[in-house]
C-alpha cells in the first residue's frame, strides 16, 4: 500500500527507533484501533517483528510503523506524535475523525 493517510512526526519516529533498538530482533511499531475504552474505541501500540499483508507501512527517520487496513479507516488524516510533558511522556494520536475523547487521551469516539 502506498496510501499515506496516516503520518508519523519526527519526535515519534525518533522515539520508536530508540525503543526498537533496545529489542533483541528488528521490530516495527503497530498502531491499531480496538473496540473498548472510555469512549468506544482505544489506541493500541505494540512492537511486532513481521507485517501483515494488509498493513500500511510508514518508514520515517529509521522507524517503521504498521497500521492495519481496518484501523486505517479510523485513522485517516491522523498523526502519531511523541509528547514529553512535566506529567510524563507518551505517544499521542492526533485524530481529526474523533468526535470526542476521554481525559486520558487513550480512547475516542467517531
PDB file of N, CA and C in Angstrom:
ATOM      1  N   UNK A   1       0.834  -1.187   0.000  1.00  0.00           N
ATOM      2  CA  UNK A   1       0.000   0.000   0.000  1.00  0.00           C
ATOM      3  C   UNK A   1       0.876   1.246   0.000  1.00  0.00           C
ATOM      4  N   UNK A   2       0.491   2.242  -0.751  1.00  0.00           N
ATOM      5  CA  UNK A   2       1.238   3.488  -0.750  1.00  0.00           C
ATOM      6  C   UNK A   2       0.381   4.640  -0.244  1.00  0.00           C
ATOM      7  N   UNK A   3      -0.785   4.360   0.303  1.00  0.00           N
ATOM      8  CA  UNK A   3      -1.676   5.373   0.824  1.00  0.00           C
ATOM      9  C   UNK A   3      -1.096   5.938   2.123  1.00  0.00           C
ATOM     10  N   UNK A   4      -0.776   7.224   2.129  1.00  0.00           N
ATOM     11  CA  UNK A   4      -0.149   7.821   3.307  1.00  0.00           C
ATOM     12  C   UNK A   4      -1.139   8.727   4.037  1.00  0.00           C
ATOM     13  N   UNK A   5      -2.284   8.190   4.389  1.00  0.00           N
ATOM     14  CA  UNK A   5      -3.287   8.974   5.086  1.00  0.00           C
ATOM     15  C   UNK A   5      -3.016   9.045   6.584  1.00  0.00           C
ATOM     16  N   UNK A   6      -1.976   8.386   7.038  1.00  0.00           N
ATOM     17  CA  UNK A   6      -1.570   8.404   8.440  1.00  0.00           C
ATOM     18  C   UNK A   6      -0.100   8.792   8.454  1.00  0.00           C
ATOM     19  N   UNK A   7       0.269   9.746   9.299  1.00  0.00           N
ATOM     20  CA  UNK A   7       1.659  10.198   9.305  1.00  0.00           C
ATOM     21  C   UNK A   7       2.281  10.072  10.693  1.00  0.00           C
ATOM     22  N   UNK A   8       3.596  10.139  10.704  1.00  0.00           N
ATOM     23  CA  UNK A   8       4.378   9.996  11.926  1.00  0.00           C
ATOM     24  C   UNK A   8       5.302  11.206  12.034  1.00  0.00           C
ATOM     25  N   UNK A   9       5.275  11.881  13.188  1.00  0.00           N
ATOM     26  CA  UNK A   9       6.152  13.035  13.376  1.00  0.00           C
ATOM     27  C   UNK A   9       7.591  12.577  13.595  1.00  0.00           C
ATOM     28  N   UNK A  10       8.514  13.496  13.439  1.00  0.00           N
ATOM     29  CA  UNK A  10       9.925  13.187  13.685  1.00  0.00           C
ATOM     30  C   UNK A  10      10.155  12.776  15.134  1.00  0.00           C
ATOM     31  N   UNK A  11       9.480  13.441  16.085  1.00  0.00           N
ATOM     32  CA  UNK A  11       9.616  13.081  17.506  1.00  0.00           C
ATOM     33  C   UNK A  11       9.198  11.639  17.738  1.00  0.00           C
ATOM     34  N   UNK A  12       8.056  11.235  17.149  1.00  0.00           N
ATOM     35  CA  UNK A  12       7.575   9.867  17.318  1.00  0.00           C
ATOM     36  C   UNK A  12       8.533   8.881  16.664  1.00  0.00           C
ATOM     37  N   UNK A  13       8.998   9.197  15.456  1.00  0.00           N
ATOM     38  CA  UNK A  13       9.900   8.291  14.737  1.00  0.00           C
ATOM     39  C   UNK A  13      11.196   8.083  15.511  1.00  0.00           C
ATOM     40  N   UNK A  14      11.740   9.143  16.066  1.00  0.00           N
ATOM     41  CA  UNK A  14      12.990   9.022  16.836  1.00  0.00           C
ATOM     42  C   UNK A  14      12.792   8.159  18.076  1.00  0.00           C
ATOM     43  N   UNK A  15      11.664   8.328  18.757  1.00  0.00           N
ATOM     44  CA  UNK A  15      11.395   7.534  19.957  1.00  0.00           C
ATOM     45  C   UNK A  15      11.165   6.068  19.598  1.00  0.00           C
ATOM     46  N   UNK A  16      10.435   5.816  18.517  1.00  0.00           N
ATOM     47  CA  UNK A  16      10.205   4.439  18.066  1.00  0.00           C
ATOM     48  C   UNK A  16      11.527   3.783  17.704  1.00  0.00           C
ATOM     49  N   UNK A  17      12.379   4.502  16.956  1.00  0.00           N
ATOM     50  CA  UNK A  17      13.686   3.949  16.567  1.00  0.00           C
ATOM     51  C   UNK A  17      14.524   3.633  17.800  1.00  0.00           C
ATOM     52  N   UNK A  18      14.483   4.514  18.805  1.00  0.00           N
ATOM     53  CA  UNK A  18      15.226   4.286  20.044  1.00  0.00           C
ATOM     54  C   UNK A  18      14.713   3.036  20.761  1.00  0.00           C
ATOM     55  N   UNK A  19      13.394   2.940  20.932  1.00  0.00           N
ATOM     56  CA  UNK A  19      12.810   1.781  21.617  1.00  0.00           C
ATOM     57  C   UNK A  19      13.060   0.492  20.840  1.00  0.00           C
ATOM     58  N   UNK A  20      12.938   0.556  19.524  1.00  0.00           N
ATOM     59  CA  UNK A  20      13.155  -0.628  18.683  1.00  0.00           C
ATOM     60  C   UNK A  20      14.607  -1.099  18.774  1.00  0.00           C
ATOM     61  N   UNK A  21      15.535  -0.167  18.940  1.00  0.00           N
ATOM     62  CA  UNK A  21      16.955  -0.527  19.020  1.00  0.00           C
ATOM     63  C   UNK A  21      17.267  -1.322  20.285  1.00  0.00           C
ATOM     64  N   UNK A  22      16.402  -1.254  21.280  1.00  0.00           N
ATOM     65  CA  UNK A  22      16.587  -1.982  22.536  1.00  0.00           C
ATOM     66  C   UNK A  22      16.083  -3.421  22.458  1.00  0.00           C
ATOM     67  N   UNK A  23      15.338  -3.734  21.395  1.00  0.00           N
ATOM     68  CA  UNK A  23      14.777  -5.081  21.230  1.00  0.00           C
ATOM     69  C   UNK A  23      15.843  -6.019  20.642  1.00  0.00           C
ATOM     70  N   UNK A  24      15.791  -7.314  20.992  1.00  0.00           N
ATOM     71  CA  UNK A  24      16.798  -8.258  20.501  1.00  0.00           C
ATOM     72  C   UNK A  24      16.708  -8.525  18.991  1.00  0.00           C
ATOM     73  N   UNK A  25      15.510  -8.351  18.408  1.00  0.00           N
ATOM     74  CA  UNK A  25      15.310  -8.566  16.975  1.00  0.00           C
ATOM     75  C   UNK A  25      14.739  -7.290  16.370  1.00  0.00           C
ATOM     76  N   UNK A  26      14.876  -7.098  15.065  1.00  0.00           N
ATOM     77  CA  UNK A  26      14.271  -5.914  14.434  1.00  0.00           C
ATOM     78  C   UNK A  26      12.751  -5.923  14.601  1.00  0.00           C
ATOM     79  N   UNK A  27      12.192  -4.793  15.016  1.00  0.00           N
ATOM     80  CA  UNK A  27      10.755  -4.686  15.235  1.00  0.00           C
ATOM     81  C   UNK A  27      10.207  -3.409  14.605  1.00  0.00           C
ATOM     82  N   UNK A  28       8.895  -3.421  14.386  1.00  0.00           N
ATOM     83  CA  UNK A  28       8.157  -2.266  13.898  1.00  0.00           C
ATOM     84  C   UNK A  28       7.044  -1.973  14.897  1.00  0.00           C
ATOM     85  N   UNK A  29       6.681  -0.704  15.026  1.00  0.00           N
ATOM     86  CA  UNK A  29       5.591  -0.363  15.935  1.00  0.00           C
ATOM     87  C   UNK A  29       4.263  -0.491  15.205  1.00  0.00           C
ATOM     88  N   UNK A  30       3.322  -1.187  15.829  1.00  0.00           N
ATOM     89  CA  UNK A  30       1.977  -1.289  15.275  1.00  0.00           C
ATOM     90  C   UNK A  30       1.067  -0.323  16.026  1.00  0.00           C
ATOM     91  N   UNK A  31       0.313   0.478  15.262  1.00  0.00           N
ATOM     92  CA  UNK A  31      -0.716   1.345  15.815  1.00  0.00           C
ATOM     93  C   UNK A  31      -2.048   0.750  15.361  1.00  0.00           C
ATOM     94  N   UNK A  32      -2.887   0.397  16.323  1.00  0.00           N
ATOM     95  CA  UNK A  32      -4.167  -0.221  16.000  1.00  0.00           C
ATOM     96  C   UNK A  32      -5.290   0.462  16.762  1.00  0.00           C
ATOM     97  N   UNK A  33      -6.481   0.363  16.218  1.00  0.00           N
ATOM     98  CA  UNK A  33      -7.686   0.859  16.886  1.00  0.00           C
ATOM     99  C   UNK A  33      -8.500  -0.363  17.291  1.00  0.00           C
ATOM    100  N   UNK A  34      -8.802  -0.450  18.573  1.00  0.00           N
ATOM    101  CA  UNK A  34      -9.567  -1.569  19.114  1.00  0.00           C
ATOM    102  C   UNK A  34     -10.858  -1.054  19.730  1.00  0.00           C
ATOM    103  N   UNK A  35     -11.875  -1.896  19.763  1.00  0.00           N
ATOM    104  CA  UNK A  35     -13.104  -1.535  20.455  1.00  0.00           C
ATOM    105  C   UNK A  35     -12.851  -1.530  21.955  1.00  0.00           C
ATOM    106  N   UNK A  36     -13.471  -0.604  22.659  1.00  0.00           N
ATOM    107  CA  UNK A  36     -13.324  -0.541  24.113  1.00  0.00           C
ATOM    108  C   UNK A  36     -12.869   0.827  24.568  1.00  0.00           C
ATOM    109  N   UNK A  37     -12.433   0.905  25.800  1.00  0.00           N
ATOM    110  CA  UNK A  37     -12.012   2.190  26.352  1.00  0.00           C
ATOM    111  C   UNK A  37     -13.207   3.005  26.820  1.00  0.00           C
ATOM    112  N   UNK A  38     -12.941   4.147  27.405  1.00  0.00           N
ATOM    113  CA  UNK A  38     -14.000   5.001  27.973  1.00  0.00           C
ATOM    114  C   UNK A  38     -14.952   5.525  26.910  1.00  0.00           C
ATOM    115  N   UNK A  39     -14.455   5.748  25.700  1.00  0.00           N
ATOM    116  CA  UNK A  39     -15.263   6.430  24.681  1.00  0.00           C
ATOM    117  C   UNK A  39     -15.674   5.553  23.496  1.00  0.00           C
ATOM    118  N   UNK A  40     -15.410   4.266  23.534  1.00  0.00           N
ATOM    119  CA  UNK A  40     -15.855   3.386  22.462  1.00  0.00           C
ATOM    120  C   UNK A  40     -14.736   2.720  21.682  1.00  0.00           C
ATOM    121  N   UNK A  41     -13.677   3.460  21.402  1.00  0.00           N
ATOM    122  CA  UNK A  41     -12.512   2.909  20.709  1.00  0.00           C
ATOM    123  C   UNK A  41     -11.276   3.322  21.473  1.00  0.00           C
ATOM    124  N   UNK A  42     -10.220   2.510  21.357  1.00  0.00           N
ATOM    125  CA  UNK A  42      -8.971   2.877  22.010  1.00  0.00           C
ATOM    126  C   UNK A  42      -7.792   2.577  21.099  1.00  0.00           C
ATOM    127  N   UNK A  43      -6.719   3.325  21.289  1.00  0.00           N
ATOM    128  CA  UNK A  43      -5.495   3.118  20.533  1.00  0.00           C
ATOM    129  C   UNK A  43      -4.669   2.036  21.219  1.00  0.00           C
ATOM    130  N   UNK A  44      -4.033   1.211  20.423  1.00  0.00           N
ATOM    131  CA  UNK A  44      -3.170   0.176  20.951  1.00  0.00           C
ATOM    132  C   UNK A  44      -1.818   0.278  20.245  1.00  0.00           C
ATOM    133  N   UNK A  45      -0.745   0.308  21.021  1.00  0.00           N
ATOM    134  CA  UNK A  45       0.609   0.383  20.482  1.00  0.00           C
ATOM    135  C   UNK A  45       1.358  -0.881  20.882  1.00  0.00           C
ATOM    136  N   UNK A  46       1.999  -1.525  19.919  1.00  0.00           N
ATOM    137  CA  UNK A  46       2.779  -2.719  20.223  1.00  0.00           C
ATOM    138  C   UNK A  46       3.936  -2.815  19.231  1.00  0.00           C
ATOM    139  N   UNK A  47       4.934  -3.633  19.583  1.00  0.00           N
ATOM    140  CA  UNK A  47       6.041  -3.883  18.665  1.00  0.00           C
ATOM    141  C   UNK A  47       5.878  -5.270  18.073  1.00  0.00           C
ATOM    142  N   UNK A  48       6.105  -5.380  16.764  1.00  0.00           N
ATOM    143  CA  UNK A  48       5.977  -6.652  16.071  1.00  0.00           C
ATOM    144  C   UNK A  48       7.159  -6.857  15.138  1.00  0.00           C
ATOM    145  N   UNK A  49       7.495  -8.120  14.918  1.00  0.00           N
ATOM    146  CA  UNK A  49       8.616  -8.459  14.052  1.00  0.00           C
ATOM    147  C   UNK A  49       8.219  -8.548  12.587  1.00  0.00           C
ATOM    148  N   UNK A  50       6.951  -8.854  12.309  1.00  0.00           N
ATOM    149  CA  UNK A  50       6.519  -9.058  10.927  1.00  0.00           C
ATOM    150  C   UNK A  50       5.289  -8.219  10.613  1.00  0.00           C
ATOM    151  N   UNK A  51       5.148  -7.878   9.355  1.00  0.00           N
ATOM    152  CA  UNK A  51       3.972  -7.126   8.917  1.00  0.00           C
ATOM    153  C   UNK A  51       2.959  -8.081   8.304  1.00  0.00           C
ATOM    154  N   UNK A  52       1.707  -7.662   8.303  1.00  0.00           N
ATOM    155  CA  UNK A  52       0.633  -8.424   7.662  1.00  0.00           C
ATOM    156  C   UNK A  52       0.453  -7.921   6.233  1.00  0.00           C
ATOM    157  N   UNK A  53      -0.242  -8.717   5.433  1.00  0.00           N
ATOM    158  CA  UNK A  53      -0.437  -8.376   4.033  1.00  0.00           C
ATOM    159  C   UNK A  53      -1.184  -7.058   3.834  1.00  0.00           C
ATOM    160  N   UNK A  54      -2.144  -6.758   4.723  1.00  0.00           N
ATOM    161  CA  UNK A  54      -2.960  -5.545   4.553  1.00  0.00           C
ATOM    162  C   UNK A  54      -2.415  -4.325   5.298  1.00  0.00           C
ATOM    163  N   UNK A  55      -1.205  -4.409   5.828  1.00  0.00           N
ATOM    164  CA  UNK A  55      -0.638  -3.303   6.600  1.00  0.00           C
ATOM    165  C   UNK A  55      -0.139  -2.166   5.719  1.00  0.00           C
ATOM    166  N   UNK A  56      -0.401  -0.955   6.168  1.00  0.00           N
ATOM    167  CA  UNK A  56       0.268   0.231   5.634  1.00  0.00           C
ATOM    168  C   UNK A  56       1.564   0.320   6.419  1.00  0.00           C
ATOM    169  N   UNK A  57       2.691   0.494   5.735  1.00  0.00           N
ATOM    170  CA  UNK A  57       3.984   0.627   6.401  1.00  0.00           C
ATOM    171  C   UNK A  57       4.479   2.043   6.169  1.00  0.00           C
ATOM    172  N   UNK A  58       4.749   2.751   7.252  1.00  0.00           N
ATOM    173  CA  UNK A  58       5.280   4.107   7.167  1.00  0.00           C
ATOM    174  C   UNK A  58       6.691   4.065   7.726  1.00  0.00           C
ATOM    175  N   UNK A  59       7.666   4.452   6.919  1.00  0.00           N
ATOM    176  CA  UNK A  59       9.055   4.497   7.371  1.00  0.00           C
ATOM    177  C   UNK A  59       9.483   5.948   7.450  1.00  0.00           C
ATOM    178  N   UNK A  60      10.047   6.321   8.615  1.00  0.00           N
ATOM    179  CA  UNK A  60      10.422   7.714   8.851  1.00  0.00           C
ATOM    180  C   UNK A  60      11.552   7.759   9.871  1.00  0.00           C
ATOM    181  N   UNK A  61      12.638   8.423   9.550  1.00  0.00           N
ATOM    182  CA  UNK A  61      13.768   8.609  10.469  1.00  0.00           C
ATOM    183  C   UNK A  61      14.231   7.311  11.135  1.00  0.00           C
ATOM    184  N   UNK A  62      14.318   6.229  10.369  1.00  0.00           N
ATOM    185  CA  UNK A  62      14.812   4.963  10.901  1.00  0.00           C
ATOM    186  C   UNK A  62      13.792   4.129  11.650  1.00  0.00           C
ATOM    187  N   UNK A  63      12.542   4.575  11.654  1.00  0.00           N
ATOM    188  CA  UNK A  63      11.479   3.833  12.338  1.00  0.00           C
ATOM    189  C   UNK A  63      10.472   3.325  11.318  1.00  0.00           C
ATOM    190  N   UNK A  64       9.856   2.189  11.631  1.00  0.00           N
ATOM    191  CA  UNK A  64       8.786   1.647  10.795  1.00  0.00           C
ATOM    192  C   UNK A  64       7.528   1.513  11.639  1.00  0.00           C
ATOM    193  N   UNK A  65       6.412   2.000  11.101  1.00  0.00           N
ATOM    194  CA  UNK A  65       5.121   1.945  11.790  1.00  0.00           C
ATOM    195  C   UNK A  65       4.142   1.186  10.904  1.00  0.00           C
ATOM    196  N   UNK A  66       3.403   0.267  11.519  1.00  0.00           N
ATOM    197  CA  UNK A  66       2.406  -0.541  10.816  1.00  0.00           C
ATOM    198  C   UNK A  66       1.007  -0.113  11.235  1.00  0.00           C
ATOM    199  N   UNK A  67       0.098  -0.039  10.254  1.00  0.00           N
ATOM    200  CA  UNK A  67      -1.311   0.216  10.537  1.00  0.00           C
ATOM    201  C   UNK A  67      -2.112  -0.739   9.667  1.00  0.00           C
ATOM    202  N   UNK A  68      -2.966  -1.560  10.294  1.00  0.00           N
ATOM    203  CA  UNK A  68      -3.779  -2.496   9.514  1.00  0.00           C
ATOM    204  C   UNK A  68      -4.910  -1.750   8.806  1.00  0.00           C
ATOM    205  N   UNK A  69      -5.466  -2.371   7.776  1.00  0.00           N
ATOM    206  CA  UNK A  69      -6.474  -1.725   6.934  1.00  0.00           C
ATOM    207  C   UNK A  69      -7.713  -1.300   7.723  1.00  0.00           C
ATOM    208  N   UNK A  70      -8.168  -2.114   8.678  1.00  0.00           N
ATOM    209  CA  UNK A  70      -9.348  -1.775   9.467  1.00  0.00           C
ATOM    210  C   UNK A  70      -9.085  -0.553  10.340  1.00  0.00           C
ATOM    211  N   UNK A  71      -7.930  -0.528  11.022  1.00  0.00           N
ATOM    212  CA  UNK A  71      -7.588   0.618  11.875  1.00  0.00           C
ATOM    213  C   UNK A  71      -7.401   1.883  11.053  1.00  0.00           C
ATOM    214  N   UNK A  72      -6.874   1.726   9.836  1.00  0.00           N
ATOM    215  CA  UNK A  72      -6.620   2.886   8.988  1.00  0.00           C
ATOM    216  C   UNK A  72      -7.903   3.650   8.682  1.00  0.00           C
ATOM    217  N   UNK A  73      -9.034   2.941   8.621  1.00  0.00           N
ATOM    218  CA  UNK A  73     -10.314   3.612   8.379  1.00  0.00           C
ATOM    219  C   UNK A  73     -10.614   4.639   9.480  1.00  0.00           C
ATOM    220  N   UNK A  74     -10.218   4.333  10.715  1.00  0.00           N
ATOM    221  CA  UNK A  74     -10.433   5.246  11.841  1.00  0.00           C
ATOM    222  C   UNK A  74      -9.326   6.290  11.959  1.00  0.00           C
ATOM    223  N   UNK A  75      -8.194   6.033  11.311  1.00  0.00           N
ATOM    224  CA  UNK A  75      -7.008   6.876  11.483  1.00  0.00           C
ATOM    225  C   UNK A  75      -6.696   7.773  10.286  1.00  0.00           C
ATOM    226  N   UNK A  76      -7.546   7.770   9.276  1.00  0.00           N
ATOM    227  CA  UNK A  76      -7.280   8.591   8.088  1.00  0.00           C
ATOM    228  C   UNK A  76      -7.097  10.052   8.474  1.00  0.00           C
ATOM    229  N   UNK A  77      -6.017  10.637   8.004  1.00  0.00           N
ATOM    230  CA  UNK A  77      -5.725  12.034   8.305  1.00  0.00           C
ATOM    231  C   UNK A  77      -5.091  12.255   9.663  1.00  0.00           C
ATOM    232  N   UNK A  78      -4.835  11.187  10.406  1.00  0.00           N
ATOM    233  CA  UNK A  78      -4.275  11.299  11.755  1.00  0.00           C
ATOM    234  C   UNK A  78      -2.755  11.349  11.731  1.00  0.00           C
ATOM    235  N   UNK A  79      -2.213  11.734  12.865  1.00  0.00           N
ATOM    236  CA  UNK A  79      -0.767  11.825  13.016  1.00  0.00           C
ATOM    237  C   UNK A  79      -0.353  11.237  14.360  1.00  0.00           C
ATOM    238  N   UNK A  80       0.695  10.410  14.326  1.00  0.00           N
ATOM    239  CA  UNK A  80       1.261   9.859  15.554  1.00  0.00           C
ATOM    240  C   UNK A  80       2.373  10.781  16.009  1.00  0.00           C
ATOM    241  N   UNK A  81       2.312  11.209  17.258  1.00  0.00           N
ATOM    242  CA  UNK A  81       3.324  12.106  17.816  1.00  0.00           C
ATOM    243  C   UNK A  81       3.829  11.511  19.129  1.00  0.00           C
ATOM    244  N   UNK A  82       4.990  11.978  19.561  1.00  0.00           N
ATOM    245  CA  UNK A  82       5.526  11.611  20.874  1.00  0.00           C
ATOM    246  C   UNK A  82       5.696  12.911  21.636  1.00  0.00           C
ATOM    247  N   UNK A  83       5.015  13.023  22.769  1.00  0.00           N
ATOM    248  CA  UNK A  83       4.981  14.266  23.527  1.00  0.00           C
ATOM    249  C   UNK A  83       5.627  14.057  24.886  1.00  0.00           C
ATOM    250  N   UNK A  84       6.515  14.961  25.237  1.00  0.00           N
ATOM    251  CA  UNK A  84       7.143  14.932  26.564  1.00  0.00           C
ATOM    252  C   UNK A  84       6.650  16.143  27.342  1.00  0.00           C
ATOM    253  N   UNK A  85       5.986  15.864  28.459  1.00  0.00           N
ATOM    254  CA  UNK A  85       5.445  16.916  29.311  1.00  0.00           C
ATOM    255  C   UNK A  85       5.890  16.686  30.741  1.00  0.00           C
ATOM    256  N   UNK A  86       5.632  17.646  31.608  1.00  0.00           N
ATOM    257  CA  UNK A  86       6.040  17.508  33.009  1.00  0.00           C
ATOM    258  C   UNK A  86       5.389  16.302  33.676  1.00  0.00           C
ATOM    259  N   UNK A  87       4.172  15.969  33.294  1.00  0.00           N
ATOM    260  CA  UNK A  87       3.464  14.852  33.913  1.00  0.00           C
ATOM    261  C   UNK A  87       3.863  13.507  33.325  1.00  0.00           C
ATOM    262  N   UNK A  88       4.654  13.512  32.265  1.00  0.00           N
ATOM    263  CA  UNK A  88       5.108  12.266  31.660  1.00  0.00           C
ATOM    264  C   UNK A  88       5.219  12.398  30.157  1.00  0.00           C
ATOM    265  N   UNK A  89       5.640  11.344  29.541  1.00  0.00           N
ATOM    266  CA  UNK A  89       5.779  11.344  28.089  1.00  0.00           C
ATOM    267  C   UNK A  89       5.002  10.156  27.523  1.00  0.00           C
ATOM    268  N   UNK A  90       4.481  10.348  26.311  1.00  0.00           N
ATOM    269  CA  UNK A  90       3.649   9.291  25.731  1.00  0.00           C
ATOM    270  C   UNK A  90       3.473   9.510  24.236  1.00  0.00           C
ATOM    271  N   UNK A  91       3.117   8.425  23.557  1.00  0.00           N
ATOM    272  CA  UNK A  91       2.706   8.536  22.168  1.00  0.00           C
ATOM    273  C   UNK A  91       1.272   9.045  22.152  1.00  0.00           C
ATOM    274  N   UNK A  92       0.967   9.966  21.231  1.00  0.00           N
ATOM    275  CA  UNK A  92      -0.388  10.501  21.106  1.00  0.00           C
ATOM    276  C   UNK A  92      -0.793  10.454  19.645  1.00  0.00           C
ATOM    277  N   UNK A  93      -2.052  10.121  19.410  1.00  0.00           N
ATOM    278  CA  UNK A  93      -2.608  10.153  18.062  1.00  0.00           C
ATOM    279  C   UNK A  93      -3.465  11.403  17.959  1.00  0.00           C
ATOM    280  N   UNK A  94      -3.124  12.265  17.024  1.00  0.00           N
ATOM    281  CA  UNK A  94      -3.931  13.455  16.753  1.00  0.00           C
ATOM    282  C   UNK A  94      -4.889  13.065  15.638  1.00  0.00           C
ATOM    283  N   UNK A  95      -6.142  12.775  16.017  1.00  0.00           N
ATOM    284  CA  UNK A  95      -7.113  12.188  15.104  1.00  0.00           C
ATOM    285  C   UNK A  95      -8.244  13.174  14.803  1.00  0.00           C
ATOM    286  N   UNK A  96      -8.301  13.699  13.568  1.00  0.00           N
ATOM    287  CA  UNK A  96      -9.379  14.641  13.225  1.00  0.00           C
ATOM    288  C   UNK A  96     -10.746  13.977  13.112  1.00  0.00           C
ATOM    289  N   UNK A  97     -10.799  12.641  13.075  1.00  0.00           N
ATOM    290  CA  UNK A  97     -12.061  11.921  12.968  1.00  0.00           C
ATOM    291  C   UNK A  97     -12.743  11.718  14.312  1.00  0.00           C
ATOM    292  N   UNK A  98     -12.016  11.892  15.388  1.00  0.00           N
ATOM    293  CA  UNK A  98     -12.570  11.666  16.730  1.00  0.00           C
ATOM    294  C   UNK A  98     -13.508  12.810  17.096  1.00  0.00           C
ATOM    295  N   UNK A  99     -14.746  12.467  17.424  1.00  0.00           N
ATOM    296  CA  UNK A  99     -15.708  13.499  17.818  1.00  0.00           C
ATOM    297  C   UNK A  99     -15.587  13.827  19.300  1.00  0.00           C
ATOM    298  N   UNK A 100     -15.052  12.882  20.066  1.00  0.00           N
ATOM    299  CA  UNK A 100     -14.790  13.126  21.484  1.00  0.00           C
ATOM    300  C   UNK A 100     -13.731  12.143  21.942  1.00  0.00           C
ATOM    301  N   UNK A 101     -13.081  12.485  23.043  1.00  0.00           N
ATOM    302  CA  UNK A 101     -12.093  11.569  23.611  1.00  0.00           C
ATOM    303  C   UNK A 101     -12.162  11.660  25.116  1.00  0.00           C
ATOM    304  N   UNK A 102     -11.595  10.662  25.778  1.00  0.00           N
ATOM    305  CA  UNK A 102     -11.628  10.663  27.239  1.00  0.00           C
ATOM    306  C   UNK A 102     -10.500  11.544  27.766  1.00  0.00           C
ATOM    307  N   UNK A 103     -10.493  11.783  29.032  1.00  0.00           N
ATOM    308  CA  UNK A 103      -9.487  12.639  29.647  1.00  0.00           C
ATOM    309  C   UNK A 103      -8.070  12.153  29.491  1.00  0.00           C
ATOM    310  N   UNK A 104      -7.879  10.832  29.462  1.00  0.00           N
ATOM    311  CA  UNK A 104      -6.533  10.306  29.353  1.00  0.00           C
ATOM    312  C   UNK A 104      -6.019  10.322  27.917  1.00  0.00           C
ATOM    313  N   UNK A 105      -6.914  10.538  26.939  1.00  0.00           N
ATOM    314  CA  UNK A 105      -6.490  10.620  25.545  1.00  0.00           C
ATOM    315  C   UNK A 105      -6.251   9.279  24.886  1.00  0.00           C
ATOM    316  N   UNK A 106      -6.524   8.185  25.583  1.00  0.00           N
ATOM    317  CA  UNK A 106      -6.284   6.860  25.011  1.00  0.00           C
ATOM    318  C   UNK A 106      -7.496   6.276  24.311  1.00  0.00           C
ATOM    319  N   UNK A 107      -8.664   6.868  24.496  1.00  0.00           N
ATOM    320  CA  UNK A 107      -9.840   6.348  23.806  1.00  0.00           C
ATOM    321  C   UNK A 107     -10.602   7.501  23.173  1.00  0.00           C
ATOM    322  N   UNK A 108     -11.445   7.149  22.199  1.00  0.00           N
ATOM    323  CA  UNK A 108     -12.153   8.167  21.439  1.00  0.00           C
ATOM    324  C   UNK A 108     -13.424   7.584  20.853  1.00  0.00           C
ATOM    325  N   UNK A 109     -14.285   8.472  20.338  1.00  0.00           N
ATOM    326  CA  UNK A 109     -15.466   8.033  19.605  1.00  0.00           C
ATOM    327  C   UNK A 109     -15.496   8.770  18.270  1.00  0.00           C
ATOM    328  N   UNK A 110     -16.221   8.182  17.312  1.00  0.00           N
ATOM    329  CA  UNK A 110     -16.320   8.792  15.976  1.00  0.00           C
ATOM    330  C   UNK A 110     -17.764   9.087  15.636  1.00  0.00           C
TER     331      UNK A 110
END
